[in-house]
């Protein structure tokens, strides 16, 4: 299925404040903690994007989403389903995309479990057409219609 997975933003002391070449970023993503978690959702990191091309200088760095960048990605990719990882991506993508949307916790979130990503994967496999957030709770997962 044609999907796009939006993360918040990349971080790198080398590329901070500018654009990180995509192939280099994809290699770094595939070996990162976030990338390892994302393997429960996809086996193709080419499905991954950020809400901005701007790169933060440290792991906790927050770059503002770029609506024009998001729009270009959506127009070029024409996804059937979009997955937003984390609250910032959820807010940005909800405003830019009216189609099927699955929101999951950010892969670097300390309390997220692989189960949340496996649930999102199962929704995609079932030809998902709604808008839902998968929230990680103490007793398990909660699905909330958006």
N, C-alpha and C. Protein backbone atom coordinates (compact mmCIF):
# COMPACT_ATOMS: atom_id res chain seq x y z
N UNK A 1 0.85 -1.19 0.00
CA UNK A 1 0.00 0.00 0.00
C UNK A 1 0.89 1.24 0.00
N UNK A 2 0.44 2.27 -0.65
CA UNK A 2 1.19 3.53 -0.73
C UNK A 2 0.92 4.35 0.54
N UNK A 3 1.92 4.41 1.42
CA UNK A 3 1.77 5.17 2.66
C UNK A 3 2.93 6.16 2.79
N UNK A 4 2.72 7.16 3.62
CA UNK A 4 3.78 8.07 4.02
C UNK A 4 3.76 8.12 5.54
N UNK A 5 4.92 7.98 6.13
CA UNK A 5 5.08 8.03 7.58
C UNK A 5 5.81 9.34 7.90
N UNK A 6 5.14 10.24 8.60
CA UNK A 6 5.74 11.52 8.96
C UNK A 6 6.27 11.49 10.38
N UNK A 7 7.54 11.80 10.52
CA UNK A 7 8.18 12.02 11.81
C UNK A 7 8.25 13.52 12.04
N UNK A 8 8.66 13.92 13.21
CA UNK A 8 8.74 15.34 13.56
C UNK A 8 9.83 16.05 12.74
N UNK A 9 11.06 15.83 13.10
CA UNK A 9 12.20 16.42 12.38
C UNK A 9 13.45 15.60 12.69
N UNK A 10 14.40 15.69 11.80
CA UNK A 10 15.67 15.01 12.01
C UNK A 10 16.56 15.86 12.92
N UNK A 11 17.59 15.23 13.45
CA UNK A 11 18.59 15.99 14.20
C UNK A 11 19.97 15.48 13.82
N UNK A 12 20.90 16.42 13.73
CA UNK A 12 22.28 16.09 13.41
C UNK A 12 23.14 17.32 13.67
N UNK A 13 24.23 17.17 14.41
CA UNK A 13 25.11 18.32 14.59
C UNK A 13 25.78 18.73 13.27
N UNK A 14 25.90 17.80 12.35
CA UNK A 14 26.53 18.09 11.05
C UNK A 14 25.59 18.88 10.14
N UNK A 15 24.31 18.50 10.10
CA UNK A 15 23.35 19.13 9.17
C UNK A 15 22.42 20.13 9.85
N UNK A 16 22.66 20.44 11.10
CA UNK A 16 21.78 21.34 11.85
C UNK A 16 21.53 22.64 11.09
N UNK A 17 20.26 23.02 11.03
CA UNK A 17 19.88 24.28 10.40
C UNK A 17 19.81 24.24 8.88
N UNK A 18 20.06 23.08 8.30
CA UNK A 18 19.98 22.98 6.84
C UNK A 18 19.38 21.64 6.45
N UNK A 19 19.34 21.38 5.16
CA UNK A 19 18.74 20.14 4.65
C UNK A 19 19.75 19.00 4.72
N UNK A 20 19.30 17.84 5.19
CA UNK A 20 20.11 16.64 5.26
C UNK A 20 19.86 15.86 3.98
N UNK A 21 20.88 15.55 3.19
CA UNK A 21 20.65 14.76 1.98
C UNK A 21 19.88 13.47 2.30
N UNK A 22 18.84 13.22 1.52
CA UNK A 22 17.88 12.15 1.84
C UNK A 22 18.53 10.78 2.03
N UNK A 23 19.38 10.36 1.13
CA UNK A 23 19.97 9.01 1.25
C UNK A 23 20.82 8.89 2.51
N UNK A 24 21.52 9.94 2.86
CA UNK A 24 22.31 9.94 4.09
C UNK A 24 21.38 9.87 5.31
N UNK A 25 20.30 10.65 5.27
CA UNK A 25 19.34 10.63 6.38
C UNK A 25 18.69 9.25 6.51
N UNK A 26 18.31 8.63 5.39
CA UNK A 26 17.69 7.31 5.44
C UNK A 26 18.64 6.27 6.05
N UNK A 27 19.92 6.36 5.72
CA UNK A 27 20.90 5.44 6.32
C UNK A 27 20.98 5.65 7.84
N UNK A 28 21.02 6.92 8.24
CA UNK A 28 21.08 7.23 9.68
C UNK A 28 19.79 6.78 10.38
N UNK A 29 18.65 7.01 9.75
CA UNK A 29 17.37 6.60 10.33
C UNK A 29 17.33 5.09 10.53
N UNK A 30 17.80 4.36 9.57
CA UNK A 30 17.71 2.89 9.64
C UNK A 30 18.51 2.30 10.80
N UNK A 31 19.53 3.01 11.28
CA UNK A 31 20.33 2.50 12.39
C UNK A 31 20.01 3.17 13.72
N UNK A 32 19.10 4.13 13.70
CA UNK A 32 18.75 4.86 14.92
C UNK A 32 17.73 4.10 15.75
N UNK A 33 17.54 4.56 16.97
CA UNK A 33 16.51 3.98 17.85
C UNK A 33 15.13 4.13 17.22
N UNK A 34 14.86 5.29 16.66
CA UNK A 34 13.57 5.50 15.99
C UNK A 34 13.41 4.54 14.82
N UNK A 35 14.45 4.40 14.04
CA UNK A 35 14.40 3.49 12.89
C UNK A 35 14.16 2.05 13.31
N UNK A 36 14.79 1.64 14.39
CA UNK A 36 14.59 0.28 14.87
C UNK A 36 13.14 0.06 15.26
N UNK A 37 12.52 1.05 15.91
CA UNK A 37 11.10 0.94 16.29
C UNK A 37 10.23 0.93 15.03
N UNK A 38 10.58 1.75 14.04
CA UNK A 38 9.77 1.83 12.83
C UNK A 38 9.73 0.53 12.03
N UNK A 39 10.69 -0.36 12.25
CA UNK A 39 10.68 -1.63 11.52
C UNK A 39 9.45 -2.48 11.85
N UNK A 40 8.78 -2.18 12.97
CA UNK A 40 7.52 -2.87 13.28
C UNK A 40 6.38 -2.35 12.40
N UNK A 41 6.61 -1.22 11.76
CA UNK A 41 5.59 -0.56 10.94
C UNK A 41 5.87 -0.69 9.45
N UNK A 42 7.14 -0.66 9.09
CA UNK A 42 7.50 -0.70 7.67
C UNK A 42 8.85 -1.38 7.48
N UNK A 43 9.03 -1.94 6.32
CA UNK A 43 10.34 -2.47 5.97
C UNK A 43 10.98 -1.61 4.89
N UNK A 44 10.36 -0.47 4.60
CA UNK A 44 10.84 0.44 3.56
C UNK A 44 10.95 1.85 4.13
N UNK A 45 12.15 2.24 4.50
CA UNK A 45 12.34 3.58 5.09
C UNK A 45 12.09 4.69 4.08
N UNK A 46 12.00 4.37 2.79
CA UNK A 46 11.63 5.39 1.81
C UNK A 46 10.22 5.93 2.04
N UNK A 47 9.42 5.23 2.83
CA UNK A 47 8.09 5.71 3.16
C UNK A 47 8.14 6.82 4.21
N UNK A 48 9.30 7.04 4.82
CA UNK A 48 9.43 7.99 5.92
C UNK A 48 9.82 9.38 5.43
N UNK A 49 9.24 10.37 6.08
CA UNK A 49 9.51 11.78 5.82
C UNK A 49 9.50 12.51 7.16
N UNK A 50 9.92 13.75 7.14
CA UNK A 50 9.81 14.62 8.31
C UNK A 50 8.82 15.73 7.98
N UNK A 51 8.28 16.38 9.00
CA UNK A 51 7.34 17.47 8.76
C UNK A 51 8.04 18.74 8.30
N UNK A 52 9.37 18.72 8.31
CA UNK A 52 10.17 19.84 7.85
C UNK A 52 11.50 19.33 7.33
N UNK A 53 12.10 20.08 6.43
CA UNK A 53 13.43 19.71 5.96
C UNK A 53 14.51 20.26 6.88
N UNK A 54 14.14 21.17 7.78
CA UNK A 54 15.11 21.74 8.72
C UNK A 54 15.56 20.66 9.70
N UNK A 55 16.82 20.70 10.07
CA UNK A 55 17.42 19.70 10.95
C UNK A 55 17.82 20.37 12.26
N UNK A 56 17.45 19.75 13.38
CA UNK A 56 17.83 20.25 14.70
C UNK A 56 19.27 19.84 15.01
N UNK A 57 19.87 20.49 16.00
CA UNK A 57 21.27 20.21 16.33
C UNK A 57 21.45 19.20 17.46
N UNK A 58 20.35 18.74 18.09
CA UNK A 58 20.45 17.75 19.15
C UNK A 58 19.15 16.94 19.20
N UNK A 59 19.16 15.79 19.88
CA UNK A 59 17.98 14.91 19.86
C UNK A 59 16.69 15.54 20.36
N UNK A 60 16.79 16.48 21.29
CA UNK A 60 15.59 17.12 21.82
C UNK A 60 15.20 18.38 21.04
N UNK A 61 15.94 18.68 19.97
CA UNK A 61 15.67 19.87 19.18
C UNK A 61 14.34 19.77 18.46
N UNK A 62 13.60 20.87 18.47
CA UNK A 62 12.29 20.92 17.82
C UNK A 62 12.32 21.97 16.73
N UNK A 63 12.06 21.54 15.52
CA UNK A 63 11.93 22.44 14.38
C UNK A 63 10.44 22.53 14.04
N UNK A 64 10.00 23.70 13.68
CA UNK A 64 8.59 23.89 13.35
C UNK A 64 8.25 23.17 12.05
N UNK A 65 7.07 22.55 11.99
CA UNK A 65 6.64 21.91 10.75
C UNK A 65 6.55 22.93 9.62
N UNK A 66 6.79 22.48 8.42
CA UNK A 66 6.74 23.33 7.23
C UNK A 66 5.55 22.88 6.38
N UNK A 67 4.43 23.61 6.43
CA UNK A 67 3.25 23.20 5.67
C UNK A 67 3.51 23.06 4.16
N UNK A 68 4.38 23.90 3.60
CA UNK A 68 4.69 23.78 2.17
C UNK A 68 5.42 22.47 1.89
N UNK A 69 6.37 22.11 2.74
CA UNK A 69 7.09 20.84 2.58
C UNK A 69 6.11 19.66 2.68
N UNK A 70 5.26 19.69 3.68
CA UNK A 70 4.27 18.62 3.86
C UNK A 70 3.39 18.51 2.62
N UNK A 71 2.93 19.65 2.13
CA UNK A 71 2.09 19.66 0.92
C UNK A 71 2.79 19.09 -0.29
N UNK A 72 4.08 19.43 -0.46
CA UNK A 72 4.84 18.90 -1.60
C UNK A 72 4.97 17.38 -1.50
N UNK A 73 5.24 16.89 -0.30
CA UNK A 73 5.38 15.43 -0.10
C UNK A 73 4.06 14.74 -0.42
N UNK A 74 2.96 15.25 0.12
CA UNK A 74 1.66 14.63 -0.11
C UNK A 74 1.28 14.67 -1.60
N UNK A 75 1.55 15.77 -2.25
CA UNK A 75 1.23 15.89 -3.67
C UNK A 75 2.07 14.92 -4.51
N UNK A 76 3.34 14.82 -4.21
CA UNK A 76 4.23 13.95 -4.98
C UNK A 76 3.95 12.46 -4.72
N UNK A 77 3.66 12.12 -3.49
CA UNK A 77 3.51 10.70 -3.12
C UNK A 77 2.11 10.15 -3.32
N UNK A 78 1.10 11.01 -3.22
CA UNK A 78 -0.29 10.59 -3.34
C UNK A 78 -0.60 9.33 -2.50
N UNK A 79 -0.38 9.44 -1.18
CA UNK A 79 -0.57 8.26 -0.33
C UNK A 79 -2.04 7.87 -0.19
N UNK A 80 -2.25 6.60 0.11
CA UNK A 80 -3.59 6.13 0.45
C UNK A 80 -3.83 6.32 1.95
N UNK A 81 -2.76 6.21 2.73
CA UNK A 81 -2.82 6.39 4.18
C UNK A 81 -1.58 7.16 4.63
N UNK A 82 -1.78 8.07 5.57
CA UNK A 82 -0.65 8.79 6.18
C UNK A 82 -0.57 8.38 7.65
N UNK A 83 0.65 8.18 8.10
CA UNK A 83 0.90 7.87 9.51
C UNK A 83 1.69 9.03 10.09
N UNK A 84 1.19 9.59 11.17
CA UNK A 84 1.88 10.68 11.87
C UNK A 84 2.44 10.13 13.18
N UNK A 85 3.74 10.31 13.37
CA UNK A 85 4.42 9.81 14.56
C UNK A 85 4.67 10.95 15.54
N UNK A 86 3.92 10.96 16.62
CA UNK A 86 4.11 11.98 17.64
C UNK A 86 3.12 13.12 17.53
N UNK A 87 3.04 13.89 18.61
CA UNK A 87 2.05 14.97 18.70
C UNK A 87 2.28 16.10 17.71
N UNK A 88 3.54 16.48 17.50
CA UNK A 88 3.80 17.57 16.57
C UNK A 88 3.42 17.15 15.15
N UNK A 89 3.79 15.95 14.76
CA UNK A 89 3.42 15.45 13.44
C UNK A 89 1.90 15.31 13.34
N UNK A 90 1.26 14.84 14.40
CA UNK A 90 -0.20 14.71 14.40
C UNK A 90 -0.87 16.05 14.10
N UNK A 91 -0.45 17.07 14.79
CA UNK A 91 -1.06 18.40 14.59
C UNK A 91 -0.82 18.92 13.18
N UNK A 92 0.42 18.80 12.70
CA UNK A 92 0.76 19.32 11.37
C UNK A 92 0.05 18.54 10.26
N UNK A 93 0.02 17.23 10.37
CA UNK A 93 -0.58 16.42 9.32
C UNK A 93 -2.11 16.51 9.36
N UNK A 94 -2.69 16.58 10.54
CA UNK A 94 -4.14 16.73 10.64
C UNK A 94 -4.62 17.98 9.92
N UNK A 95 -3.82 19.04 9.96
CA UNK A 95 -4.18 20.29 9.30
C UNK A 95 -3.97 20.22 7.78
N UNK A 96 -3.07 19.38 7.33
CA UNK A 96 -2.69 19.35 5.91
C UNK A 96 -3.34 18.22 5.12
N UNK A 97 -3.86 17.22 5.79
CA UNK A 97 -4.31 16.00 5.12
C UNK A 97 -5.70 15.62 5.62
N UNK A 98 -6.65 15.45 4.70
CA UNK A 98 -8.01 15.10 5.10
C UNK A 98 -8.32 13.63 4.86
N UNK A 99 -7.37 12.88 4.33
CA UNK A 99 -7.59 11.47 4.03
C UNK A 99 -7.32 10.58 5.22
N UNK A 100 -7.24 9.27 4.96
CA UNK A 100 -6.99 8.31 6.04
C UNK A 100 -5.70 8.63 6.80
N UNK A 101 -5.82 8.64 8.12
CA UNK A 101 -4.72 9.04 8.99
C UNK A 101 -4.65 8.12 10.20
N UNK A 102 -3.45 7.65 10.48
CA UNK A 102 -3.19 6.88 11.69
C UNK A 102 -2.12 7.63 12.48
N UNK A 103 -2.41 7.94 13.72
CA UNK A 103 -1.46 8.62 14.59
C UNK A 103 -0.93 7.61 15.59
N UNK A 104 0.39 7.55 15.71
CA UNK A 104 1.04 6.67 16.68
C UNK A 104 1.99 7.53 17.53
N UNK A 105 2.39 7.04 18.68
CA UNK A 105 3.39 7.77 19.46
C UNK A 105 4.70 7.87 18.67
N UNK A 106 5.47 8.89 18.96
CA UNK A 106 6.76 9.03 18.30
C UNK A 106 7.62 7.81 18.63
N UNK A 107 8.38 7.30 17.65
CA UNK A 107 9.17 6.09 17.92
C UNK A 107 10.23 6.25 19.01
N UNK A 108 10.64 7.47 19.32
CA UNK A 108 11.63 7.68 20.38
C UNK A 108 10.99 7.88 21.75
N UNK A 109 9.67 7.89 21.80
CA UNK A 109 8.96 8.05 23.07
C UNK A 109 9.35 6.91 24.01
N UNK A 110 9.67 7.25 25.24
CA UNK A 110 10.17 6.25 26.19
C UNK A 110 9.16 5.17 26.56
N UNK A 111 7.88 5.50 26.50
CA UNK A 111 6.89 4.53 26.94
C UNK A 111 6.20 3.78 25.81
N UNK A 112 6.51 4.12 24.58
CA UNK A 112 5.85 3.44 23.46
C UNK A 112 6.30 1.98 23.39
N UNK A 113 5.37 1.13 23.01
CA UNK A 113 5.69 -0.28 22.83
C UNK A 113 5.57 -0.64 21.35
N UNK A 114 6.17 -1.71 20.99
CA UNK A 114 6.08 -2.19 19.62
C UNK A 114 4.63 -2.51 19.26
N UNK A 115 3.82 -2.84 20.24
CA UNK A 115 2.42 -3.17 20.00
C UNK A 115 1.67 -2.04 19.29
N UNK A 116 1.99 -0.79 19.62
CA UNK A 116 1.33 0.35 18.97
C UNK A 116 1.64 0.37 17.48
N UNK A 117 2.86 0.07 17.13
CA UNK A 117 3.26 0.06 15.72
C UNK A 117 2.71 -1.16 15.00
N UNK A 118 2.64 -2.28 15.68
CA UNK A 118 2.05 -3.48 15.07
C UNK A 118 0.56 -3.28 14.83
N UNK A 119 -0.12 -2.56 15.74
CA UNK A 119 -1.54 -2.27 15.54
C UNK A 119 -1.72 -1.37 14.32
N UNK A 120 -0.88 -0.36 14.18
CA UNK A 120 -0.96 0.52 13.00
C UNK A 120 -0.72 -0.30 11.74
N UNK A 121 0.25 -1.19 11.77
CA UNK A 121 0.54 -2.04 10.62
C UNK A 121 -0.67 -2.90 10.27
N UNK A 122 -1.35 -3.44 11.27
CA UNK A 122 -2.53 -4.27 10.99
C UNK A 122 -3.65 -3.44 10.38
N UNK A 123 -3.80 -2.19 10.80
CA UNK A 123 -4.82 -1.32 10.20
C UNK A 123 -4.51 -1.07 8.72
N UNK A 124 -3.26 -0.84 8.42
CA UNK A 124 -2.86 -0.62 7.03
C UNK A 124 -3.15 -1.85 6.19
N UNK A 125 -2.84 -3.01 6.72
CA UNK A 125 -3.05 -4.27 6.02
C UNK A 125 -4.54 -4.49 5.73
N UNK A 126 -5.39 -3.96 6.60
CA UNK A 126 -6.84 -4.11 6.44
C UNK A 126 -7.44 -3.02 5.55
N UNK A 127 -6.62 -2.31 4.78
CA UNK A 127 -7.09 -1.23 3.88
C UNK A 127 -7.84 -0.14 4.65
N UNK A 128 -7.21 0.35 5.67
CA UNK A 128 -7.76 1.37 6.57
C UNK A 128 -8.21 2.61 5.79
N UNK A 129 -9.38 3.17 6.16
CA UNK A 129 -9.87 4.38 5.49
C UNK A 129 -10.31 5.47 6.46
N UNK A 130 -10.15 5.29 7.75
CA UNK A 130 -10.61 6.28 8.73
C UNK A 130 -9.52 7.21 9.20
N UNK A 131 -9.73 7.77 10.37
CA UNK A 131 -8.76 8.64 11.04
C UNK A 131 -8.76 8.25 12.51
N UNK A 132 -7.62 7.75 12.99
CA UNK A 132 -7.56 7.21 14.33
C UNK A 132 -6.21 7.51 14.96
N UNK A 133 -6.23 7.67 16.28
CA UNK A 133 -4.98 7.79 17.04
C UNK A 133 -4.84 6.54 17.90
N UNK A 134 -3.66 5.97 17.88
CA UNK A 134 -3.35 4.83 18.74
C UNK A 134 -2.55 5.40 19.90
N UNK A 135 -3.16 5.40 21.07
CA UNK A 135 -2.52 5.97 22.26
C UNK A 135 -2.00 4.85 23.15
N UNK A 136 -0.80 5.04 23.64
CA UNK A 136 -0.19 4.09 24.55
C UNK A 136 -0.68 4.39 25.96
N UNK A 137 -1.31 3.41 26.60
CA UNK A 137 -1.81 3.56 27.96
C UNK A 137 -1.15 2.51 28.84
N UNK A 138 -1.23 2.68 30.14
CA UNK A 138 -0.60 1.72 31.07
C UNK A 138 -1.07 0.29 30.85
N UNK A 139 -2.36 0.10 30.62
CA UNK A 139 -2.90 -1.24 30.46
C UNK A 139 -2.86 -1.76 29.04
N UNK A 140 -2.35 -0.97 28.12
CA UNK A 140 -2.33 -1.40 26.72
C UNK A 140 -2.56 -0.22 25.78
N UNK A 141 -3.25 -0.49 24.71
CA UNK A 141 -3.48 0.53 23.69
C UNK A 141 -4.91 1.02 23.71
N UNK A 142 -5.09 2.28 23.34
CA UNK A 142 -6.42 2.85 23.19
C UNK A 142 -6.52 3.44 21.80
N UNK A 143 -7.58 3.10 21.08
CA UNK A 143 -7.82 3.66 19.76
C UNK A 143 -8.86 4.75 19.89
N UNK A 144 -8.53 5.95 19.39
CA UNK A 144 -9.42 7.09 19.48
C UNK A 144 -9.71 7.57 18.07
N UNK A 145 -10.99 7.67 17.75
CA UNK A 145 -11.38 8.22 16.45
C UNK A 145 -11.06 9.70 16.43
N UNK A 146 -10.50 10.15 15.33
CA UNK A 146 -10.18 11.58 15.18
C UNK A 146 -11.22 12.28 14.35
